[in-house]
Amino acid sequence: MDAVRRDLADVRLAERVFAPHYAAPMPRALVRGVALRASRDADSEVLAQLQQGDLFEVLEFAGGNAWGVAPGAGLVGYVDADALHETAQ
């Protein structure tokens, strides 16, 4: 799944996707298990359960959430920002 929204896209997609802004992925490791959600809303659809130590490539931090790519699951979504370690392990 490609990390593309109306306002932002993963810079790795710049050659094939137009977006007003692009972001470079910031690799982070999860410090605890967390739900990968379809939207920022806490009650939104859970796409996957990510595990402690999993990699998450952050494209945006906003409102206590991080939006990006869970490469192990092959999915794009939102996680709680406080579940991320500053640098990937």
PDB file of N, CA and C in Angstrom:
ATOM      1  N   MET A   1       0.840  -1.174   0.000  1.00  0.00           N
ATOM      2  CA  MET A   1       0.000   0.000   0.000  1.00  0.00           C
ATOM      3  C   MET A   1       0.887   1.240   0.000  1.00  0.00           C
ATOM      4  N   ASP A   2       0.551   2.213  -0.815  1.00  0.00           N
ATOM      5  CA  ASP A   2       1.329   3.446  -0.912  1.00  0.00           C
ATOM      6  C   ASP A   2       0.871   4.461   0.122  1.00  0.00           C
ATOM      7  N   ALA A   3       1.833   5.178   0.683  1.00  0.00           N
ATOM      8  CA  ALA A   3       1.548   6.212   1.677  1.00  0.00           C
ATOM      9  C   ALA A   3       1.244   7.523   0.959  1.00  0.00           C
ATOM     10  N   VAL A   4      -0.042   7.708   0.647  1.00  0.00           N
ATOM     11  CA  VAL A   4      -0.483   8.891  -0.083  1.00  0.00           C
ATOM     12  C   VAL A   4      -1.786   9.392   0.528  1.00  0.00           C
ATOM     13  N   ARG A   5      -1.825  10.692   0.808  1.00  0.00           N
ATOM     14  CA  ARG A   5      -3.053  11.376   1.199  1.00  0.00           C
ATOM     15  C   ARG A   5      -3.220  12.563   0.250  1.00  0.00           C
ATOM     16  N   ARG A   6      -4.317  13.270   0.370  1.00  0.00           N
ATOM     17  CA  ARG A   6      -4.525  14.453  -0.488  1.00  0.00           C
ATOM     18  C   ARG A   6      -3.468  15.521  -0.249  1.00  0.00           C
ATOM     19  N   ASP A   7      -2.953  15.598   0.979  1.00  0.00           N
ATOM     20  CA  ASP A   7      -2.028  16.675   1.344  1.00  0.00           C
ATOM     21  C   ASP A   7      -0.570  16.252   1.460  1.00  0.00           C
ATOM     22  N   LEU A   8      -0.294  14.956   1.465  1.00  0.00           N
ATOM     23  CA  LEU A   8       1.053  14.488   1.767  1.00  0.00           C
ATOM     24  C   LEU A   8       1.288  13.100   1.173  1.00  0.00           C
ATOM     25  N   ALA A   9       2.520  12.877   0.724  1.00  0.00           N
ATOM     26  CA  ALA A   9       2.882  11.556   0.201  1.00  0.00           C
ATOM     27  C   ALA A   9       4.330  11.241   0.583  1.00  0.00           C
ATOM     28  N   ASP A  10       4.616   9.972   0.601  1.00  0.00           N
ATOM     29  CA  ASP A  10       5.966   9.483   0.835  1.00  0.00           C
ATOM     30  C   ASP A  10       6.845   9.948  -0.328  1.00  0.00           C
ATOM     31  N   VAL A  11       7.981  10.552  -0.017  1.00  0.00           N
ATOM     32  CA  VAL A  11       8.872  11.074  -1.056  1.00  0.00           C
ATOM     33  C   VAL A  11       9.346   9.967  -2.007  1.00  0.00           C
ATOM     34  N   ARG A  12       9.368   8.727  -1.552  1.00  0.00           N
ATOM     35  CA  ARG A  12       9.777   7.614  -2.414  1.00  0.00           C
ATOM     36  C   ARG A  12       8.803   7.399  -3.575  1.00  0.00           C
ATOM     37  N   LEU A  13       7.635   8.050  -3.514  1.00  0.00           N
ATOM     38  CA  LEU A  13       6.619   7.913  -4.562  1.00  0.00           C
ATOM     39  C   LEU A  13       6.583   9.116  -5.504  1.00  0.00           C
ATOM     40  N   ALA A  14       7.493  10.067  -5.326  1.00  0.00           N
ATOM     41  CA  ALA A  14       7.448  11.338  -6.051  1.00  0.00           C
ATOM     42  C   ALA A  14       7.455  11.178  -7.567  1.00  0.00           C
ATOM     43  N   GLU A  15       8.085  10.153  -8.085  1.00  0.00           N
ATOM     44  CA  GLU A  15       8.143   9.976  -9.535  1.00  0.00           C
ATOM     45  C   GLU A  15       6.835   9.484 -10.142  1.00  0.00           C
ATOM     46  N   ARG A  16       5.936   8.960  -9.292  1.00  0.00           N
ATOM     47  CA  ARG A  16       4.690   8.431  -9.859  1.00  0.00           C
ATOM     48  C   ARG A  16       3.419   8.951  -9.205  1.00  0.00           C
ATOM     49  N   VAL A  17       3.556   9.763  -8.137  1.00  0.00           N
ATOM     50  CA  VAL A  17       2.382  10.302  -7.439  1.00  0.00           C
ATOM     51  C   VAL A  17       2.576  11.797  -7.227  1.00  0.00           C
ATOM     52  N   PHE A  18       1.566  12.597  -7.584  1.00  0.00           N
ATOM     53  CA  PHE A  18       1.638  14.037  -7.307  1.00  0.00           C
ATOM     54  C   PHE A  18       0.981  14.321  -5.960  1.00  0.00           C
ATOM     55  N   ALA A  19       1.646  15.131  -5.163  1.00  0.00           N
ATOM     56  CA  ALA A  19       1.096  15.585  -3.882  1.00  0.00           C
ATOM     57  C   ALA A  19       1.624  16.994  -3.617  1.00  0.00           C
ATOM     58  N   PRO A  20       0.869  17.812  -2.878  1.00  0.00           N
ATOM     59  CA  PRO A  20       1.343  19.158  -2.563  1.00  0.00           C
ATOM     60  C   PRO A  20       2.622  19.148  -1.717  1.00  0.00           C
ATOM     61  N   HIS A  21       2.798  18.105  -0.913  1.00  0.00           N
ATOM     62  CA  HIS A  21       3.971  17.983  -0.048  1.00  0.00           C
ATOM     63  C   HIS A  21       4.425  16.529  -0.017  1.00  0.00           C
ATOM     64  N   TYR A  22       5.732  16.357   0.143  1.00  0.00           N
ATOM     65  CA  TYR A  22       6.316  15.028   0.279  1.00  0.00           C
ATOM     66  C   TYR A  22       7.100  14.982   1.588  1.00  0.00           C
ATOM     67  N   ALA A  23       7.151  13.817   2.183  1.00  0.00           N
ATOM     68  CA  ALA A  23       7.897  13.641   3.430  1.00  0.00           C
ATOM     69  C   ALA A  23       8.829  12.447   3.292  1.00  0.00           C
ATOM     70  N   ALA A  24      10.024  12.617   3.838  1.00  0.00           N
ATOM     71  CA  ALA A  24      10.973  11.500   3.891  1.00  0.00           C
ATOM     72  C   ALA A  24      10.646  10.660   5.114  1.00  0.00           C
ATOM     73  N   PRO A  25      10.639   9.351   4.978  1.00  0.00           N
ATOM     74  CA  PRO A  25      10.322   8.492   6.119  1.00  0.00           C
ATOM     75  C   PRO A  25      11.373   8.614   7.221  1.00  0.00           C
ATOM     76  N   MET A  26      10.890   8.651   8.461  1.00  0.00           N
ATOM     77  CA  MET A  26      11.750   8.689   9.644  1.00  0.00           C
ATOM     78  C   MET A  26      11.560   7.362  10.367  1.00  0.00           C
ATOM     79  N   PRO A  27      12.512   6.439  10.229  1.00  0.00           N
ATOM     80  CA  PRO A  27      12.363   5.117  10.858  1.00  0.00           C
ATOM     81  C   PRO A  27      12.342   5.220  12.381  1.00  0.00           C
ATOM     82  N   ARG A  28      11.385   4.541  12.981  1.00  0.00           N
ATOM     83  CA  ARG A  28      11.250   4.488  14.436  1.00  0.00           C
ATOM     84  C   ARG A  28      10.925   3.053  14.824  1.00  0.00           C
ATOM     85  N   ALA A  29      11.341   2.673  16.013  1.00  0.00           N
ATOM     86  CA  ALA A  29      10.992   1.355  16.547  1.00  0.00           C
ATOM     87  C   ALA A  29       9.872   1.532  17.568  1.00  0.00           C
ATOM     88  N   LEU A  30       8.970   0.576  17.618  1.00  0.00           N
ATOM     89  CA  LEU A  30       7.887   0.628  18.596  1.00  0.00           C
ATOM     90  C   LEU A  30       8.402   0.189  19.960  1.00  0.00           C
ATOM     91  N   VAL A  31       8.094   0.974  20.991  1.00  0.00           N
ATOM     92  CA  VAL A  31       8.522   0.635  22.355  1.00  0.00           C
ATOM     93  C   VAL A  31       7.478  -0.226  23.059  1.00  0.00           C
ATOM     94  N   ARG A  32       6.328  -0.372  22.431  1.00  0.00           N
ATOM     95  CA  ARG A  32       5.258  -1.237  22.948  1.00  0.00           C
ATOM     96  C   ARG A  32       4.361  -1.615  21.780  1.00  0.00           C
ATOM     97  N   GLY A  33       3.561  -2.644  21.994  1.00  0.00           N
ATOM     98  CA  GLY A  33       2.585  -3.014  20.984  1.00  0.00           C
ATOM     99  C   GLY A  33       1.553  -1.910  20.828  1.00  0.00           C
ATOM    100  N   VAL A  34       1.058  -1.730  19.614  1.00  0.00           N
ATOM    101  CA  VAL A  34       0.113  -0.651  19.340  1.00  0.00           C
ATOM    102  C   VAL A  34      -0.744  -1.019  18.130  1.00  0.00           C
ATOM    103  N   ALA A  35      -1.937  -0.464  18.103  1.00  0.00           N
ATOM    104  CA  ALA A  35      -2.829  -0.670  16.962  1.00  0.00           C
ATOM    105  C   ALA A  35      -2.461   0.288  15.838  1.00  0.00           C
ATOM    106  N   LEU A  36      -2.414  -0.235  14.621  1.00  0.00           N
ATOM    107  CA  LEU A  36      -2.283   0.590  13.429  1.00  0.00           C
ATOM    108  C   LEU A  36      -3.704   0.877  12.975  1.00  0.00           C
ATOM    109  N   ARG A  37      -4.075   2.139  12.951  1.00  0.00           N
ATOM    110  CA  ARG A  37      -5.457   2.523  12.666  1.00  0.00           C
ATOM    111  C   ARG A  37      -5.602   3.206  11.303  1.00  0.00           C
ATOM    112  N   ALA A  38      -6.813   3.146  10.778  1.00  0.00           N
ATOM    113  CA  ALA A  38      -7.116   3.734   9.479  1.00  0.00           C
ATOM    114  C   ALA A  38      -7.142   5.259   9.510  1.00  0.00           C
ATOM    115  N   SER A  39      -7.458   5.851  10.663  1.00  0.00           N
ATOM    116  CA  SER A  39      -7.478   7.314  10.793  1.00  0.00           C
ATOM    117  C   SER A  39      -6.984   7.707  12.178  1.00  0.00           C
ATOM    118  N   ARG A  40      -6.916   8.998  12.429  1.00  0.00           N
ATOM    119  CA  ARG A  40      -6.452   9.506  13.724  1.00  0.00           C
ATOM    120  C   ARG A  40      -7.396   9.162  14.873  1.00  0.00           C
ATOM    121  N   ASP A  41      -8.635   8.953  14.564  1.00  0.00           N
ATOM    122  CA  ASP A  41      -9.645   8.708  15.590  1.00  0.00           C
ATOM    123  C   ASP A  41      -9.358   7.418  16.350  1.00  0.00           C
ATOM    124  N   ALA A  42      -9.418   7.493  17.674  1.00  0.00           N
ATOM    125  CA  ALA A  42      -9.130   6.331  18.529  1.00  0.00           C
ATOM    126  C   ALA A  42     -10.087   5.171  18.268  1.00  0.00           C
ATOM    127  N   ASP A  43     -11.281   5.459  17.764  1.00  0.00           N
ATOM    128  CA  ASP A  43     -12.249   4.396  17.508  1.00  0.00           C
ATOM    129  C   ASP A  43     -12.295   3.978  16.029  1.00  0.00           C
ATOM    130  N   SER A  44     -11.298   4.412  15.245  1.00  0.00           N
ATOM    131  CA  SER A  44     -11.284   4.043  13.826  1.00  0.00           C
ATOM    132  C   SER A  44     -10.878   2.577  13.650  1.00  0.00           C
ATOM    133  N   GLU A  45     -11.073   2.084  12.459  1.00  0.00           N
ATOM    134  CA  GLU A  45     -10.775   0.684  12.134  1.00  0.00           C
ATOM    135  C   GLU A  45      -9.319   0.336  12.452  1.00  0.00           C
ATOM    136  N   VAL A  46      -9.128  -0.796  13.098  1.00  0.00           N
ATOM    137  CA  VAL A  46      -7.778  -1.296  13.367  1.00  0.00           C
ATOM    138  C   VAL A  46      -7.351  -2.124  12.161  1.00  0.00           C
ATOM    139  N   LEU A  47      -6.252  -1.702  11.525  1.00  0.00           N
ATOM    140  CA  LEU A  47      -5.740  -2.385  10.347  1.00  0.00           C
ATOM    141  C   LEU A  47      -4.833  -3.555  10.722  1.00  0.00           C
ATOM    142  N   ALA A  48      -4.102  -3.386  11.836  1.00  0.00           N
ATOM    143  CA  ALA A  48      -3.179  -4.431  12.293  1.00  0.00           C
ATOM    144  C   ALA A  48      -2.748  -4.115  13.715  1.00  0.00           C
ATOM    145  N   GLN A  49      -2.284  -5.129  14.401  1.00  0.00           N
ATOM    146  CA  GLN A  49      -1.661  -4.946  15.712  1.00  0.00           C
ATOM    147  C   GLN A  49      -0.152  -5.055  15.503  1.00  0.00           C
ATOM    148  N   LEU A  50       0.552  -3.981  15.783  1.00  0.00           N
ATOM    149  CA  LEU A  50       2.002  -3.979  15.650  1.00  0.00           C
ATOM    150  C   LEU A  50       2.620  -4.351  16.989  1.00  0.00           C
ATOM    151  N   GLN A  51       3.784  -4.950  16.932  1.00  0.00           N
ATOM    152  CA  GLN A  51       4.432  -5.458  18.136  1.00  0.00           C
ATOM    153  C   GLN A  51       5.616  -4.583  18.555  1.00  0.00           C
ATOM    154  N   GLN A  52       5.956  -4.669  19.834  1.00  0.00           N
ATOM    155  CA  GLN A  52       7.137  -3.990  20.343  1.00  0.00           C
ATOM    156  C   GLN A  52       8.338  -4.404  19.489  1.00  0.00           C
ATOM    157  N   GLY A  53       9.144  -3.417  19.104  1.00  0.00           N
ATOM    158  CA  GLY A  53      10.319  -3.681  18.283  1.00  0.00           C
ATOM    159  C   GLY A  53      10.077  -3.577  16.786  1.00  0.00           C
ATOM    160  N   ASP A  54       8.807  -3.606  16.357  1.00  0.00           N
ATOM    161  CA  ASP A  54       8.506  -3.457  14.928  1.00  0.00           C
ATOM    162  C   ASP A  54       8.961  -2.088  14.437  1.00  0.00           C
ATOM    163  N   LEU A  55       9.306  -2.005  13.172  1.00  0.00           N
ATOM    164  CA  LEU A  55       9.688  -0.760  12.530  1.00  0.00           C
ATOM    165  C   LEU A  55       8.438  -0.030  12.059  1.00  0.00           C
ATOM    166  N   PHE A  56       8.443   1.304  12.227  1.00  0.00           N
ATOM    167  CA  PHE A  56       7.384   2.149  11.697  1.00  0.00           C
ATOM    168  C   PHE A  56       8.060   3.349  11.059  1.00  0.00           C
ATOM    169  N   GLU A  57       7.752   3.618   9.797  1.00  0.00           N
ATOM    170  CA  GLU A  57       8.352   4.732   9.071  1.00  0.00           C
ATOM    171  C   GLU A  57       7.414   5.932   9.128  1.00  0.00           C
ATOM    172  N   VAL A  58       7.731   6.888   9.993  1.00  0.00           N
ATOM    173  CA  VAL A  58       6.877   8.059  10.225  1.00  0.00           C
ATOM    174  C   VAL A  58       7.019   9.061   9.083  1.00  0.00           C
ATOM    175  N   LEU A  59       5.880   9.510   8.593  1.00  0.00           N
ATOM    176  CA  LEU A  59       5.844  10.568   7.583  1.00  0.00           C
ATOM    177  C   LEU A  59       5.293  11.865   8.157  1.00  0.00           C
ATOM    178  N   GLU A  60       4.527  11.775   9.262  1.00  0.00           N
ATOM    179  CA  GLU A  60       3.974  12.973   9.890  1.00  0.00           C
ATOM    180  C   GLU A  60       3.637  12.698  11.349  1.00  0.00           C
ATOM    181  N   PHE A  61       3.981  13.657  12.203  1.00  0.00           N
ATOM    182  CA  PHE A  61       3.537  13.672  13.597  1.00  0.00           C
ATOM    183  C   PHE A  61       2.487  14.765  13.722  1.00  0.00           C
ATOM    184  N   ALA A  62       1.341  14.467  14.328  1.00  0.00           N
ATOM    185  CA  ALA A  62       0.299  15.474  14.528  1.00  0.00           C
ATOM    186  C   ALA A  62      -0.675  15.012  15.601  1.00  0.00           C
ATOM    187  N   GLY A  63      -0.924  15.874  16.572  1.00  0.00           N
ATOM    188  CA  GLY A  63      -1.948  15.611  17.578  1.00  0.00           C
ATOM    189  C   GLY A  63      -1.789  14.328  18.355  1.00  0.00           C
ATOM    190  N   GLY A  64      -0.571  13.965  18.706  1.00  0.00           N
ATOM    191  CA  GLY A  64      -0.358  12.746  19.474  1.00  0.00           C
ATOM    192  C   GLY A  64      -0.336  11.477  18.642  1.00  0.00           C
ATOM    193  N   ASN A  65      -0.458  11.629  17.328  1.00  0.00           N
ATOM    194  CA  ASN A  65      -0.432  10.488  16.414  1.00  0.00           C
ATOM    195  C   ASN A  65       0.737  10.599  15.454  1.00  0.00           C
ATOM    196  N   ALA A  66       1.089   9.478  14.877  1.00  0.00           N
ATOM    197  CA  ALA A  66       2.075   9.450  13.808  1.00  0.00           C
ATOM    198  C   ALA A  66       1.444   8.718  12.633  1.00  0.00           C
ATOM    199  N   TRP A  67       1.578   9.285  11.443  1.00  0.00           N
ATOM    200  CA  TRP A  67       1.083   8.663  10.221  1.00  0.00           C
ATOM    201  C   TRP A  67       2.276   8.158   9.428  1.00  0.00           C
ATOM    202  N   GLY A  68       2.172   6.952   8.912  1.00  0.00           N
ATOM    203  CA  GLY A  68       3.272   6.426   8.129  1.00  0.00           C
ATOM    204  C   GLY A  68       3.058   4.993   7.703  1.00  0.00           C
ATOM    205  N   VAL A  69       4.176   4.324   7.455  1.00  0.00           N
ATOM    206  CA  VAL A  69       4.196   2.986   6.881  1.00  0.00           C
ATOM    207  C   VAL A  69       4.687   1.975   7.911  1.00  0.00           C
ATOM    208  N   ALA A  70       3.949   0.880   8.026  1.00  0.00           N
ATOM    209  CA  ALA A  70       4.380  -0.277   8.821  1.00  0.00           C
ATOM    210  C   ALA A  70       4.883  -1.295   7.806  1.00  0.00           C
ATOM    211  N   PRO A  71       6.189  -1.256   7.475  1.00  0.00           N
ATOM    212  CA  PRO A  71       6.685  -2.110   6.397  1.00  0.00           C
ATOM    213  C   PRO A  71       6.516  -3.606   6.643  1.00  0.00           C
ATOM    214  N   GLY A  72       6.591  -4.037   7.887  1.00  0.00           N
ATOM    215  CA  GLY A  72       6.418  -5.455   8.188  1.00  0.00           C
ATOM    216  C   GLY A  72       5.028  -5.952   7.860  1.00  0.00           C
ATOM    217  N   ALA A  73       4.037  -5.088   8.044  1.00  0.00           N
ATOM    218  CA  ALA A  73       2.648  -5.437   7.754  1.00  0.00           C
ATOM    219  C   ALA A  73       2.258  -5.053   6.331  1.00  0.00           C
ATOM    220  N   GLY A  74       3.077  -4.213   5.691  1.00  0.00           N
ATOM    221  CA  GLY A  74       2.751  -3.744   4.347  1.00  0.00           C
ATOM    222  C   GLY A  74       1.550  -2.822   4.327  1.00  0.00           C
ATOM    223  N   LEU A  75       1.376  -2.040   5.420  1.00  0.00           N
ATOM    224  CA  LEU A  75       0.205  -1.183   5.560  1.00  0.00           C
ATOM    225  C   LEU A  75       0.599   0.249   5.914  1.00  0.00           C
ATOM    226  N   VAL A  76      -0.321   1.158   5.636  1.00  0.00           N
ATOM    227  CA  VAL A  76      -0.160   2.575   5.958  1.00  0.00           C
ATOM    228  C   VAL A  76      -1.260   2.956   6.926  1.00  0.00           C
ATOM    229  N   GLY A  77      -0.914   3.725   7.960  1.00  0.00           N
ATOM    230  CA  GLY A  77      -1.937   4.152   8.905  1.00  0.00           C
ATOM    231  C   GLY A  77      -1.358   5.003  10.018  1.00  0.00           C
ATOM    232  N   TYR A  78      -2.124   5.086  11.089  1.00  0.00           N
ATOM    233  CA  TYR A  78      -1.799   5.928  12.237  1.00  0.00           C
ATOM    234  C   TYR A  78      -1.514   5.079  13.469  1.00  0.00           C
ATOM    235  N   VAL A  79      -0.522   5.509  14.254  1.00  0.00           N
ATOM    236  CA  VAL A  79      -0.224   4.895  15.546  1.00  0.00           C
ATOM    237  C   VAL A  79      -0.094   6.001  16.580  1.00  0.00           C
ATOM    238  N   ASP A  80      -0.177   5.633  17.857  1.00  0.00           N
ATOM    239  CA  ASP A  80       0.078   6.582  18.935  1.00  0.00           C
ATOM    240  C   ASP A  80       1.542   6.984  18.879  1.00  0.00           C
ATOM    241  N   ALA A  81       1.815   8.269  18.816  1.00  0.00           N
ATOM    242  CA  ALA A  81       3.196   8.748  18.712  1.00  0.00           C
ATOM    243  C   ALA A  81       4.036   8.362  19.921  1.00  0.00           C
ATOM    244  N   ASP A  82       3.404   8.248  21.089  1.00  0.00           N
ATOM    245  CA  ASP A  82       4.176   7.908  22.288  1.00  0.00           C
ATOM    246  C   ASP A  82       4.620   6.446  22.322  1.00  0.00           C
ATOM    247  N   ALA A  83       4.227   5.670  21.324  1.00  0.00           N
ATOM    248  CA  ALA A  83       4.656   4.267  21.233  1.00  0.00           C
ATOM    249  C   ALA A  83       5.947   4.124  20.428  1.00  0.00           C
ATOM    250  N   LEU A  84       6.481   5.245  19.940  1.00  0.00           N
ATOM    251  CA  LEU A  84       7.651   5.207  19.067  1.00  0.00           C
ATOM    252  C   LEU A  84       8.910   5.651  19.776  1.00  0.00           C
ATOM    253  N   HIS A  85       9.988   4.926  19.539  1.00  0.00           N
ATOM    254  CA  HIS A  85      11.305   5.298  20.040  1.00  0.00           C
ATOM    255  C   HIS A  85      11.922   6.254  19.019  1.00  0.00           C
ATOM    256  N   GLU A  86      12.691   7.217  19.487  1.00  0.00           N
ATOM    257  CA  GLU A  86      13.208   8.253  18.597  1.00  0.00           C
ATOM    258  C   GLU A  86      14.035   7.715  17.439  1.00  0.00           C
ATOM    259  N   THR A  87      14.793   6.683  17.645  1.00  0.00           N
ATOM    260  CA  THR A  87      15.573   6.107  16.556  1.00  0.00           C
ATOM    261  C   THR A  87      15.264   4.625  16.420  1.00  0.00           C
ATOM    262  N   ALA A  88      15.255   4.156  15.188  1.00  0.00           N
ATOM    263  CA  ALA A  88      14.973   2.729  14.955  1.00  0.00           C
ATOM    264  C   ALA A  88      16.125   1.897  15.467  1.00  0.00           C
ATOM    265  N   GLN A  89      15.810   0.699  15.937  1.00  0.00           N
ATOM    266  CA  GLN A  89      16.837  -0.203  16.452  1.00  0.00           C
ATOM    267  C   GLN A  89      17.380  -1.074  15.360  1.00  0.00           C
TER     268      GLN A  89
END
